[in-house]
PDB file of N, CA and C in Angstrom:
ATOM      1  N   MET A   1      33.236 -11.743   8.009  1.00  0.00           N
ATOM      2  CA  MET A   1      31.819 -11.503   8.215  1.00  0.00           C
ATOM      3  C   MET A   1      31.501 -10.048   7.869  1.00  0.00           C
ATOM      4  N   ASN A   2      30.405  -9.842   7.136  1.00  0.00           N
ATOM      5  CA  ASN A   2      29.991  -8.509   6.740  1.00  0.00           C
ATOM      6  C   ASN A   2      29.032  -7.960   7.788  1.00  0.00           C
ATOM      7  N   ALA A   3      29.474  -6.921   8.497  1.00  0.00           N
ATOM      8  CA  ALA A   3      28.657  -6.354   9.573  1.00  0.00           C
ATOM      9  C   ALA A   3      27.615  -5.373   9.052  1.00  0.00           C
ATOM     10  N   ASP A   4      27.748  -4.960   7.780  1.00  0.00           N
ATOM     11  CA  ASP A   4      26.798  -3.986   7.240  1.00  0.00           C
ATOM     12  C   ASP A   4      25.389  -4.539   7.124  1.00  0.00           C
ATOM     13  N   LYS A   5      25.276  -5.703   6.537  1.00  0.00           N
ATOM     14  CA  LYS A   5      23.963  -6.268   6.275  1.00  0.00           C
ATOM     15  C   LYS A   5      24.051  -7.790   6.329  1.00  0.00           C
ATOM     16  N   PRO A   6      23.202  -8.422   7.119  1.00  0.00           N
ATOM     17  CA  PRO A   6      23.247  -9.883   7.145  1.00  0.00           C
ATOM     18  C   PRO A   6      22.756 -10.463   5.815  1.00  0.00           C
ATOM     19  N   ALA A   7      23.354 -11.559   5.413  1.00  0.00           N
ATOM     20  CA  ALA A   7      22.930 -12.229   4.177  1.00  0.00           C
ATOM     21  C   ALA A   7      21.567 -12.868   4.405  1.00  0.00           C
ATOM     22  N   ARG A   8      20.722 -12.815   3.372  1.00  0.00           N
ATOM     23  CA  ARG A   8      19.400 -13.430   3.465  1.00  0.00           C
ATOM     24  C   ARG A   8      19.464 -14.834   2.898  1.00  0.00           C
ATOM     25  N   CYS A   9      18.818 -15.726   3.573  1.00  0.00           N
ATOM     26  CA  CYS A   9      18.752 -17.082   3.038  1.00  0.00           C
ATOM     27  C   CYS A   9      17.643 -17.128   1.986  1.00  0.00           C
ATOM     28  N   PRO A  10      17.698 -18.089   1.047  1.00  0.00           N
ATOM     29  CA  PRO A  10      16.692 -18.144  -0.027  1.00  0.00           C
ATOM     30  C   PRO A  10      15.256 -18.277   0.475  1.00  0.00           C
ATOM     31  N   GLU A  11      15.059 -18.820   1.661  1.00  0.00           N
ATOM     32  CA  GLU A  11      13.707 -19.014   2.191  1.00  0.00           C
ATOM     33  C   GLU A  11      13.151 -17.765   2.866  1.00  0.00           C
ATOM     34  N   ASP A  12      13.939 -16.705   2.956  1.00  0.00           N
ATOM     35  CA  ASP A  12      13.518 -15.479   3.612  1.00  0.00           C
ATOM     36  C   ASP A  12      12.298 -14.901   2.886  1.00  0.00           C
ATOM     37  N   PRO A  13      11.178 -14.655   3.591  1.00  0.00           N
ATOM     38  CA  PRO A  13       9.986 -14.093   2.950  1.00  0.00           C
ATOM     39  C   PRO A  13      10.246 -12.750   2.263  1.00  0.00           C
ATOM     40  N   ALA A  14      11.222 -11.992   2.741  1.00  0.00           N
ATOM     41  CA  ALA A  14      11.530 -10.707   2.099  1.00  0.00           C
ATOM     42  C   ALA A  14      11.996 -10.908   0.664  1.00  0.00           C
ATOM     43  N   ASN A  15      12.635 -12.040   0.367  1.00  0.00           N
ATOM     44  CA  ASN A  15      13.042 -12.330  -1.007  1.00  0.00           C
ATOM     45  C   ASN A  15      11.824 -12.485  -1.896  1.00  0.00           C
ATOM     46  N   ASP A  16      10.779 -13.150  -1.398  1.00  0.00           N
ATOM     47  CA  ASP A  16       9.548 -13.316  -2.175  1.00  0.00           C
ATOM     48  C   ASP A  16       8.867 -11.967  -2.416  1.00  0.00           C
ATOM     49  N   LEU A  17       8.859 -11.098  -1.413  1.00  0.00           N
ATOM     50  CA  LEU A  17       8.262  -9.772  -1.573  1.00  0.00           C
ATOM     51  C   LEU A  17       9.006  -8.978  -2.640  1.00  0.00           C
ATOM     52  N   ALA A  18      10.316  -8.986  -2.579  1.00  0.00           N
ATOM     53  CA  ALA A  18      11.107  -8.242  -3.565  1.00  0.00           C
ATOM     54  C   ALA A  18      10.880  -8.791  -4.969  1.00  0.00           C
ATOM     55  N   ARG A  19      10.802 -10.081  -5.094  1.00  0.00           N
ATOM     56  CA  ARG A  19      10.565 -10.714  -6.405  1.00  0.00           C
ATOM     57  C   ARG A  19       9.182 -10.328  -6.928  1.00  0.00           C
ATOM     58  N   LEU A  20       8.185 -10.348  -6.056  1.00  0.00           N
ATOM     59  CA  LEU A  20       6.823  -9.998  -6.460  1.00  0.00           C
ATOM     60  C   LEU A  20       6.730  -8.522  -6.865  1.00  0.00           C
ATOM     61  N   VAL A  21       7.403  -7.646  -6.138  1.00  0.00           N
ATOM     62  CA  VAL A  21       7.421  -6.224  -6.486  1.00  0.00           C
ATOM     63  C   VAL A  21       8.036  -6.043  -7.871  1.00  0.00           C
ATOM     64  N   ARG A  22       9.164  -6.711  -8.148  1.00  0.00           N
ATOM     65  CA  ARG A  22       9.794  -6.609  -9.472  1.00  0.00           C
ATOM     66  C   ARG A  22       8.857  -7.114 -10.562  1.00  0.00           C
ATOM     67  N   THR A  23       8.172  -8.221 -10.300  1.00  0.00           N
ATOM     68  CA  THR A  23       7.246  -8.789 -11.277  1.00  0.00           C
ATOM     69  C   THR A  23       6.106  -7.824 -11.577  1.00  0.00           C
ATOM     70  N   LEU A  24       5.523  -7.231 -10.549  1.00  0.00           N
ATOM     71  CA  LEU A  24       4.412  -6.295 -10.749  1.00  0.00           C
ATOM     72  C   LEU A  24       4.877  -5.035 -11.478  1.00  0.00           C
ATOM     73  N   ASN A  25       6.062  -4.555 -11.167  1.00  0.00           N
ATOM     74  CA  ASN A  25       6.579  -3.373 -11.868  1.00  0.00           C
ATOM     75  C   ASN A  25       6.831  -3.661 -13.344  1.00  0.00           C
ATOM     76  N   ARG A  26       7.235  -4.886 -13.674  1.00  0.00           N
ATOM     77  CA  ARG A  26       7.409  -5.251 -15.089  1.00  0.00           C
ATOM     78  C   ARG A  26       6.062  -5.431 -15.771  1.00  0.00           C
ATOM     79  N   ARG A  27       5.117  -6.033 -15.075  1.00  0.00           N
ATOM     80  CA  ARG A  27       3.803  -6.313 -15.663  1.00  0.00           C
ATOM     81  C   ARG A  27       3.009  -5.040 -15.924  1.00  0.00           C
ATOM     82  N   PHE A  28       3.092  -4.087 -15.019  1.00  0.00           N
ATOM     83  CA  PHE A  28       2.338  -2.837 -15.141  1.00  0.00           C
ATOM     84  C   PHE A  28       3.304  -1.711 -15.490  1.00  0.00           C
ATOM     85  N   GLU A  29       3.609  -1.603 -16.766  1.00  0.00           N
ATOM     86  CA  GLU A  29       4.565  -0.616 -17.245  1.00  0.00           C
ATOM     87  C   GLU A  29       4.101   0.793 -16.900  1.00  0.00           C
ATOM     88  N   GLY A  30       5.021   1.579 -16.367  1.00  0.00           N
ATOM     89  CA  GLY A  30       4.706   2.952 -16.011  1.00  0.00           C
ATOM     90  C   GLY A  30       4.253   3.127 -14.567  1.00  0.00           C
ATOM     91  N   TRP A  31       3.774   2.072 -13.948  1.00  0.00           N
ATOM     92  CA  TRP A  31       3.372   2.117 -12.547  1.00  0.00           C
ATOM     93  C   TRP A  31       4.604   1.971 -11.661  1.00  0.00           C
ATOM     94  N   SER A  32       4.520   2.478 -10.446  1.00  0.00           N
ATOM     95  CA  SER A  32       5.537   2.240  -9.415  1.00  0.00           C
ATOM     96  C   SER A  32       4.857   1.470  -8.299  1.00  0.00           C
ATOM     97  N   VAL A  33       5.307   0.233  -8.095  1.00  0.00           N
ATOM     98  CA  VAL A  33       4.686  -0.657  -7.113  1.00  0.00           C
ATOM     99  C   VAL A  33       5.685  -0.943  -5.991  1.00  0.00           C
ATOM    100  N   TRP A  34       5.201  -1.000  -4.763  1.00  0.00           N
ATOM    101  CA  TRP A  34       6.057  -1.398  -3.648  1.00  0.00           C
ATOM    102  C   TRP A  34       5.210  -1.975  -2.527  1.00  0.00           C
ATOM    103  N   HIS A  35       5.899  -2.659  -1.628  1.00  0.00           N
ATOM    104  CA  HIS A  35       5.280  -3.191  -0.420  1.00  0.00           C
ATOM    105  C   HIS A  35       5.805  -2.359   0.738  1.00  0.00           C
ATOM    106  N   GLY A  36       4.888  -1.796   1.508  1.00  0.00           N
ATOM    107  CA  GLY A  36       5.286  -0.961   2.647  1.00  0.00           C
ATOM    108  C   GLY A  36       5.740  -1.818   3.810  1.00  0.00           C
ATOM    109  N   GLY A  37       7.014  -1.761   4.110  1.00  0.00           N
ATOM    110  CA  GLY A  37       7.550  -2.552   5.209  1.00  0.00           C
ATOM    111  C   GLY A  37       6.945  -2.173   6.555  1.00  0.00           C
ATOM    112  N   ALA A  38       6.692  -0.894   6.762  1.00  0.00           N
ATOM    113  CA  ALA A  38       6.126  -0.434   8.029  1.00  0.00           C
ATOM    114  C   ALA A  38       4.623  -0.696   8.107  1.00  0.00           C
ATOM    115  N   THR A  39       3.930  -0.556   6.967  1.00  0.00           N
ATOM    116  CA  THR A  39       2.470  -0.703   6.966  1.00  0.00           C
ATOM    117  C   THR A  39       2.020  -2.123   6.673  1.00  0.00           C
ATOM    118  N   GLY A  40       2.872  -2.884   5.959  1.00  0.00           N
ATOM    119  CA  GLY A  40       2.471  -4.226   5.547  1.00  0.00           C
ATOM    120  C   GLY A  40       1.462  -4.199   4.407  1.00  0.00           C
ATOM    121  N   ARG A  41       1.251  -3.037   3.809  1.00  0.00           N
ATOM    122  CA  ARG A  41       0.264  -2.863   2.735  1.00  0.00           C
ATOM    123  C   ARG A  41       0.979  -2.788   1.390  1.00  0.00           C
ATOM    124  N   TRP A  42       0.224  -3.011   0.322  1.00  0.00           N
ATOM    125  CA  TRP A  42       0.731  -2.926  -1.043  1.00  0.00           C
ATOM    126  C   TRP A  42       0.314  -1.589  -1.636  1.00  0.00           C
ATOM    127  N   TRP A  43       1.248  -0.938  -2.358  1.00  0.00           N
ATOM    128  CA  TRP A  43       1.037   0.408  -2.868  1.00  0.00           C
ATOM    129  C   TRP A  43       1.453   0.498  -4.324  1.00  0.00           C
ATOM    130  N   ALA A  44       0.823   1.416  -5.052  1.00  0.00           N
ATOM    131  CA  ALA A  44       1.214   1.701  -6.430  1.00  0.00           C
ATOM    132  C   ALA A  44       0.864   3.150  -6.750  1.00  0.00           C
ATOM    133  N   VAL A  45       1.725   3.759  -7.546  1.00  0.00           N
ATOM    134  CA  VAL A  45       1.458   5.099  -8.071  1.00  0.00           C
ATOM    135  C   VAL A  45       1.182   4.934  -9.555  1.00  0.00           C
ATOM    136  N   ALA A  46       0.079   5.504  -9.995  1.00  0.00           N
ATOM    137  CA  ALA A  46      -0.332   5.389 -11.395  1.00  0.00           C
ATOM    138  C   ALA A  46       0.633   6.149 -12.295  1.00  0.00           C
ATOM    139  N   PRO A  47       0.755   5.702 -13.555  1.00  0.00           N
ATOM    140  CA  PRO A  47       1.536   6.468 -14.526  1.00  0.00           C
ATOM    141  C   PRO A  47       0.896   7.837 -14.745  1.00  0.00           C
ATOM    142  N   ARG A  48       1.583   8.691 -15.483  1.00  0.00           N
ATOM    143  CA  ARG A  48       1.074  10.051 -15.713  1.00  0.00           C
ATOM    144  C   ARG A  48      -0.319  10.056 -16.311  1.00  0.00           C
ATOM    145  N   TRP A  49      -0.614   9.106 -17.212  1.00  0.00           N
ATOM    146  CA  TRP A  49      -1.937   9.097 -17.834  1.00  0.00           C
ATOM    147  C   TRP A  49      -3.035   8.833 -16.809  1.00  0.00           C
ATOM    148  N   GLY A  50      -2.708   8.221 -15.689  1.00  0.00           N
ATOM    149  CA  GLY A  50      -3.717   7.871 -14.697  1.00  0.00           C
ATOM    150  C   GLY A  50      -3.896   8.867 -13.586  1.00  0.00           C
ATOM    151  N   HIS A  51      -3.099   9.926 -13.585  1.00  0.00           N
ATOM    152  CA  HIS A  51      -3.177  10.866 -12.471  1.00  0.00           C
ATOM    153  C   HIS A  51      -4.507  11.590 -12.391  1.00  0.00           C
ATOM    154  N   ASP A  52      -5.204  11.722 -13.519  1.00  0.00           N
ATOM    155  CA  ASP A  52      -6.525  12.348 -13.455  1.00  0.00           C
ATOM    156  C   ASP A  52      -7.546  11.415 -12.814  1.00  0.00           C
ATOM    157  N   LEU A  53      -7.307  10.102 -12.901  1.00  0.00           N
ATOM    158  CA  LEU A  53      -8.221   9.121 -12.316  1.00  0.00           C
ATOM    159  C   LEU A  53      -7.873   8.837 -10.868  1.00  0.00           C
ATOM    160  N   VAL A  54      -6.597   8.625 -10.629  1.00  0.00           N
ATOM    161  CA  VAL A  54      -6.126   8.219  -9.310  1.00  0.00           C
ATOM    162  C   VAL A  54      -4.628   8.472  -9.254  1.00  0.00           C
ATOM    163  N   GLY A  55      -4.111   8.723  -8.088  1.00  0.00           N
ATOM    164  CA  GLY A  55      -2.671   8.885  -7.936  1.00  0.00           C
ATOM    165  C   GLY A  55      -2.081   7.681  -7.246  1.00  0.00           C
ATOM    166  N   LEU A  56      -2.465   7.507  -6.006  1.00  0.00           N
ATOM    167  CA  LEU A  56      -1.935   6.440  -5.162  1.00  0.00           C
ATOM    168  C   LEU A  56      -2.993   5.362  -4.962  1.00  0.00           C
ATOM    169  N   VAL A  57      -2.589   4.113  -5.153  1.00  0.00           N
ATOM    170  CA  VAL A  57      -3.493   2.975  -4.969  1.00  0.00           C
ATOM    171  C   VAL A  57      -2.940   2.138  -3.820  1.00  0.00           C
ATOM    172  N   GLU A  58      -3.804   1.676  -2.946  1.00  0.00           N
ATOM    173  CA  GLU A  58      -3.396   0.911  -1.777  1.00  0.00           C
ATOM    174  C   GLU A  58      -4.256  -0.331  -1.654  1.00  0.00           C
ATOM    175  N   ALA A  59      -3.646  -1.439  -1.207  1.00  0.00           N
ATOM    176  CA  ALA A  59      -4.389  -2.690  -1.028  1.00  0.00           C
ATOM    177  C   ALA A  59      -3.723  -3.530   0.058  1.00  0.00           C
ATOM    178  N   GLY A  60      -4.495  -4.459   0.580  1.00  0.00           N
ATOM    179  CA  GLY A  60      -3.986  -5.339   1.625  1.00  0.00           C
ATOM    180  C   GLY A  60      -3.207  -6.532   1.107  1.00  0.00           C
ATOM    181  N   THR A  61      -3.458  -6.909  -0.135  1.00  0.00           N
ATOM    182  CA  THR A  61      -2.768  -8.053  -0.733  1.00  0.00           C
ATOM    183  C   THR A  61      -2.307  -7.690  -2.143  1.00  0.00           C
ATOM    184  N   PRO A  62      -1.322  -8.402  -2.665  1.00  0.00           N
ATOM    185  CA  PRO A  62      -0.911  -8.122  -4.044  1.00  0.00           C
ATOM    186  C   PRO A  62      -2.026  -8.423  -5.045  1.00  0.00           C
ATOM    187  N   GLU A  63      -2.825  -9.426  -4.768  1.00  0.00           N
ATOM    188  CA  GLU A  63      -3.937  -9.759  -5.663  1.00  0.00           C
ATOM    189  C   GLU A  63      -4.952  -8.625  -5.723  1.00  0.00           C
ATOM    190  N   GLU A  64      -5.262  -8.041  -4.579  1.00  0.00           N
ATOM    191  CA  GLU A  64      -6.194  -6.913  -4.523  1.00  0.00           C
ATOM    192  C   GLU A  64      -5.609  -5.703  -5.260  1.00  0.00           C
ATOM    193  N   LEU A  65      -4.306  -5.483  -5.116  1.00  0.00           N
ATOM    194  CA  LEU A  65      -3.661  -4.369  -5.811  1.00  0.00           C
ATOM    195  C   LEU A  65      -3.748  -4.562  -7.321  1.00  0.00           C
ATOM    196  N   VAL A  66      -3.493  -5.781  -7.786  1.00  0.00           N
ATOM    197  CA  VAL A  66      -3.583  -6.069  -9.224  1.00  0.00           C
ATOM    198  C   VAL A  66      -4.998  -5.816  -9.726  1.00  0.00           C
ATOM    199  N   LEU A  67      -5.996  -6.241  -8.987  1.00  0.00           N
ATOM    200  CA  LEU A  67      -7.386  -5.996  -9.389  1.00  0.00           C
ATOM    201  C   LEU A  67      -7.669  -4.500  -9.515  1.00  0.00           C
ATOM    202  N   ARG A  68      -7.221  -3.726  -8.552  1.00  0.00           N
ATOM    203  CA  ARG A  68      -7.462  -2.280  -8.584  1.00  0.00           C
ATOM    204  C   ARG A  68      -6.729  -1.622  -9.752  1.00  0.00           C
ATOM    205  N   MET A  69      -5.490  -2.040  -9.983  1.00  0.00           N
ATOM    206  CA  MET A  69      -4.715  -1.470 -11.085  1.00  0.00           C
ATOM    207  C   MET A  69      -5.350  -1.834 -12.430  1.00  0.00           C
ATOM    208  N   ASN A  70      -5.813  -3.078 -12.554  1.00  0.00           N
ATOM    209  CA  ASN A  70      -6.491  -3.493 -13.788  1.00  0.00           C
ATOM    210  C   ASN A  70      -7.746  -2.665 -14.034  1.00  0.00           C
ATOM    211  N   ARG A  71      -8.532  -2.427 -12.975  1.00  0.00           N
ATOM    212  CA  ARG A  71      -9.745  -1.615 -13.121  1.00  0.00           C
ATOM    213  C   ARG A  71      -9.416  -0.206 -13.594  1.00  0.00           C
ATOM    214  N   ILE A  72      -8.367   0.349 -13.043  1.00  0.00           N
ATOM    215  CA  ILE A  72      -7.961   1.704 -13.438  1.00  0.00           C
ATOM    216  C   ILE A  72      -7.529   1.706 -14.895  1.00  0.00           C
ATOM    217  N   GLU A  73      -6.732   0.734 -15.297  1.00  0.00           N
ATOM    218  CA  GLU A  73      -6.280   0.669 -16.684  1.00  0.00           C
ATOM    219  C   GLU A  73      -7.453   0.458 -17.640  1.00  0.00           C
ATOM    220  N   GLN A  74      -8.412  -0.373 -17.254  1.00  0.00           N
ATOM    221  CA  GLN A  74      -9.557  -0.638 -18.126  1.00  0.00           C
ATOM    222  C   GLN A  74     -10.476   0.568 -18.239  1.00  0.00           C
ATOM    223  N   SER A  75     -10.470   1.442 -17.248  1.00  0.00           N
ATOM    224  CA  SER A  75     -11.363   2.603 -17.288  1.00  0.00           C
ATOM    225  C   SER A  75     -10.715   3.811 -17.959  1.00  0.00           C
ATOM    226  N   SER A  76      -9.442   3.709 -18.309  1.00  0.00           N
ATOM    227  CA  SER A  76      -8.755   4.846 -18.904  1.00  0.00           C
ATOM    228  C   SER A  76      -8.548   4.654 -20.400  1.00  0.00           C
ATOM    229  N   PRO A  77      -8.957   5.630 -21.213  1.00  0.00           N
ATOM    230  CA  PRO A  77      -8.694   5.543 -22.647  1.00  0.00           C
ATOM    231  C   PRO A  77      -7.220   5.746 -22.963  1.00  0.00           C
ATOM    232  N   TYR A  78      -6.440   6.197 -21.991  1.00  0.00           N
ATOM    233  CA  TYR A  78      -5.029   6.483 -22.217  1.00  0.00           C
ATOM    234  C   TYR A  78      -4.104   5.353 -21.783  1.00  0.00           C
ATOM    235  N   ALA A  79      -4.636   4.283 -21.202  1.00  0.00           N
ATOM    236  CA  ALA A  79      -3.802   3.223 -20.642  1.00  0.00           C
ATOM    237  C   ALA A  79      -2.874   2.587 -21.666  1.00  0.00           C
ATOM    238  N   ALA A  80      -3.266   2.515 -22.924  1.00  0.00           N
ATOM    239  CA  ALA A  80      -2.430   1.880 -23.942  1.00  0.00           C
ATOM    240  C   ALA A  80      -1.346   2.819 -24.468  1.00  0.00           C
ATOM    241  N   CYS A  81      -1.339   4.059 -24.025  1.00  0.00           N
ATOM    242  CA  CYS A  81      -0.360   5.042 -24.491  1.00  0.00           C
ATOM    243  C   CYS A  81       0.968   4.856 -23.773  1.00  0.00           C
ATOM    244  N   ASP A  82       1.962   5.537 -24.286  1.00  0.00           N
ATOM    245  CA  ASP A  82       3.267   5.578 -23.649  1.00  0.00           C
ATOM    246  C   ASP A  82       3.080   6.137 -22.239  1.00  0.00           C
ATOM    247  N   PRO A  83       3.600   5.439 -21.199  1.00  0.00           N
ATOM    248  CA  PRO A  83       3.381   5.891 -19.824  1.00  0.00           C
ATOM    249  C   PRO A  83       3.920   7.284 -19.542  1.00  0.00           C
ATOM    250  N   SER A  84       4.868   7.761 -20.324  1.00  0.00           N
ATOM    251  CA  SER A  84       5.428   9.085 -20.067  1.00  0.00           C
ATOM    252  C   SER A  84       4.614  10.197 -20.728  1.00  0.00           C
ATOM    253  N   THR A  85       3.623   9.819 -21.521  1.00  0.00           N
ATOM    254  CA  THR A  85       2.815  10.816 -22.220  1.00  0.00           C
ATOM    255  C   THR A  85       1.988  11.616 -21.227  1.00  0.00           C
ATOM    256  N   ASP A  86       2.010  12.910 -21.410  1.00  0.00           N
ATOM    257  CA  ASP A  86       1.186  13.786 -20.581  1.00  0.00           C
ATOM    258  C   ASP A  86      -0.235  13.736 -21.132  1.00  0.00           C
ATOM    259  N   PRO A  87      -1.236  13.393 -20.314  1.00  0.00           N
ATOM    260  CA  PRO A  87      -2.614  13.282 -20.799  1.00  0.00           C
ATOM    261  C   PRO A  87      -3.127  14.552 -21.467  1.00  0.00           C
ATOM    262  N   ARG A  88      -2.597  15.690 -21.103  1.00  0.00           N
ATOM    263  CA  ARG A  88      -3.049  16.948 -21.713  1.00  0.00           C
ATOM    264  C   ARG A  88      -2.646  17.038 -23.182  1.00  0.00           C
ATOM    265  N   ASP A  89      -1.659  16.224 -23.597  1.00  0.00           N
ATOM    266  CA  ASP A  89      -1.209  16.224 -24.986  1.00  0.00           C
ATOM    267  C   ASP A  89      -1.988  15.242 -25.860  1.00  0.00           C
ATOM    268  N   LEU A  90      -2.875  14.485 -25.269  1.00  0.00           N
ATOM    269  CA  LEU A  90      -3.625  13.466 -26.003  1.00  0.00           C
ATOM    270  C   LEU A  90      -4.989  14.004 -26.418  1.00  0.00           C
ATOM    271  N   PRO A  91      -5.566  13.439 -27.479  1.00  0.00           N
ATOM    272  CA  PRO A  91      -6.900  13.880 -27.883  1.00  0.00           C
ATOM    273  C   PRO A  91      -7.938  13.470 -26.847  1.00  0.00           C
ATOM    274  N   GLU A  92      -9.044  14.157 -26.857  1.00  0.00           N
ATOM    275  CA  GLU A  92     -10.139  13.812 -25.950  1.00  0.00           C
ATOM    276  C   GLU A  92     -10.657  12.412 -26.279  1.00  0.00           C
ATOM    277  N   PRO A  93     -11.021  11.612 -25.270  1.00  0.00           N
ATOM    278  CA  PRO A  93     -11.576  10.286 -25.547  1.00  0.00           C
ATOM    279  C   PRO A  93     -12.974  10.410 -26.142  1.00  0.00           C
ATOM    280  N   PRO A  94     -13.399   9.377 -26.872  1.00  0.00           N
ATOM    281  CA  PRO A  94     -14.755   9.410 -27.414  1.00  0.00           C
ATOM    282  C   PRO A  94     -15.779   9.304 -26.274  1.00  0.00           C
ATOM    283  N   PRO A  95     -17.044   9.660 -26.538  1.00  0.00           N
ATOM    284  CA  PRO A  95     -18.072   9.506 -25.512  1.00  0.00           C
ATOM    285  C   PRO A  95     -18.123   8.069 -25.002  1.00  0.00           C
ATOM    286  N   ALA A  96     -18.555   7.883 -23.776  1.00  0.00           N
ATOM    287  CA  ALA A  96     -18.505   6.577 -23.118  1.00  0.00           C
ATOM    288  C   ALA A  96     -19.143   5.478 -23.943  1.00  0.00           C
ATOM    289  N   GLY A  97     -20.231   5.729 -24.629  1.00  0.00           N
ATOM    290  CA  GLY A  97     -20.902   4.694 -25.409  1.00  0.00           C
ATOM    291  C   GLY A  97     -20.150   4.292 -26.662  1.00  0.00           C
ATOM    292  N   GLN A  98     -19.145   5.059 -27.045  1.00  0.00           N
ATOM    293  CA  GLN A  98     -18.407   4.789 -28.278  1.00  0.00           C
ATOM    294  C   GLN A  98     -17.017   4.242 -28.046  1.00  0.00           C
ATOM    295  N   ARG A  99     -16.623   3.992 -26.818  1.00  0.00           N
ATOM    296  CA  ARG A  99     -15.285   3.479 -26.528  1.00  0.00           C
ATOM    297  C   ARG A  99     -15.144   2.060 -27.037  1.00  0.00           C
ATOM    298  N   THR A 100     -13.970   1.769 -27.528  1.00  0.00           N
ATOM    299  CA  THR A 100     -13.691   0.415 -27.995  1.00  0.00           C
ATOM    300  C   THR A 100     -13.031  -0.390 -26.901  1.00  0.00           C
ATOM    301  N   GLN A 101     -13.247  -1.674 -26.894  1.00  0.00           N
ATOM    302  CA  GLN A 101     -12.620  -2.569 -25.937  1.00  0.00           C
ATOM    303  C   GLN A 101     -11.206  -2.877 -26.383  1.00  0.00           C
ATOM    304  N   ARG A 102     -10.307  -2.992 -25.426  1.00  0.00           N
ATOM    305  CA  ARG A 102      -8.965  -3.415 -25.786  1.00  0.00           C
ATOM    306  C   ARG A 102      -8.650  -4.761 -25.212  1.00  0.00           C
TER     307      ARG A 102
END
């Protein structure tokens, strides 16, 4: 018997949380997503391009977190860039009326 950590059964809800966190981290490249075990809340840190818009995003459900992250990505002209790119190295975005949809 391993006294360090009890084995989790497949039905353990923590397995679903870990799987969902991995899925969100793959889906939102450059973001860091996690579920706060102590708070029960969902959290994400924006990639470098998003730090001028927002740093930390918080939500009560994973669906709400996805909506907030999508809104941030849609409002940033830098979202399609390499997540490691420093926004200061990028050209200025066009005026709001001239932005293209992605």
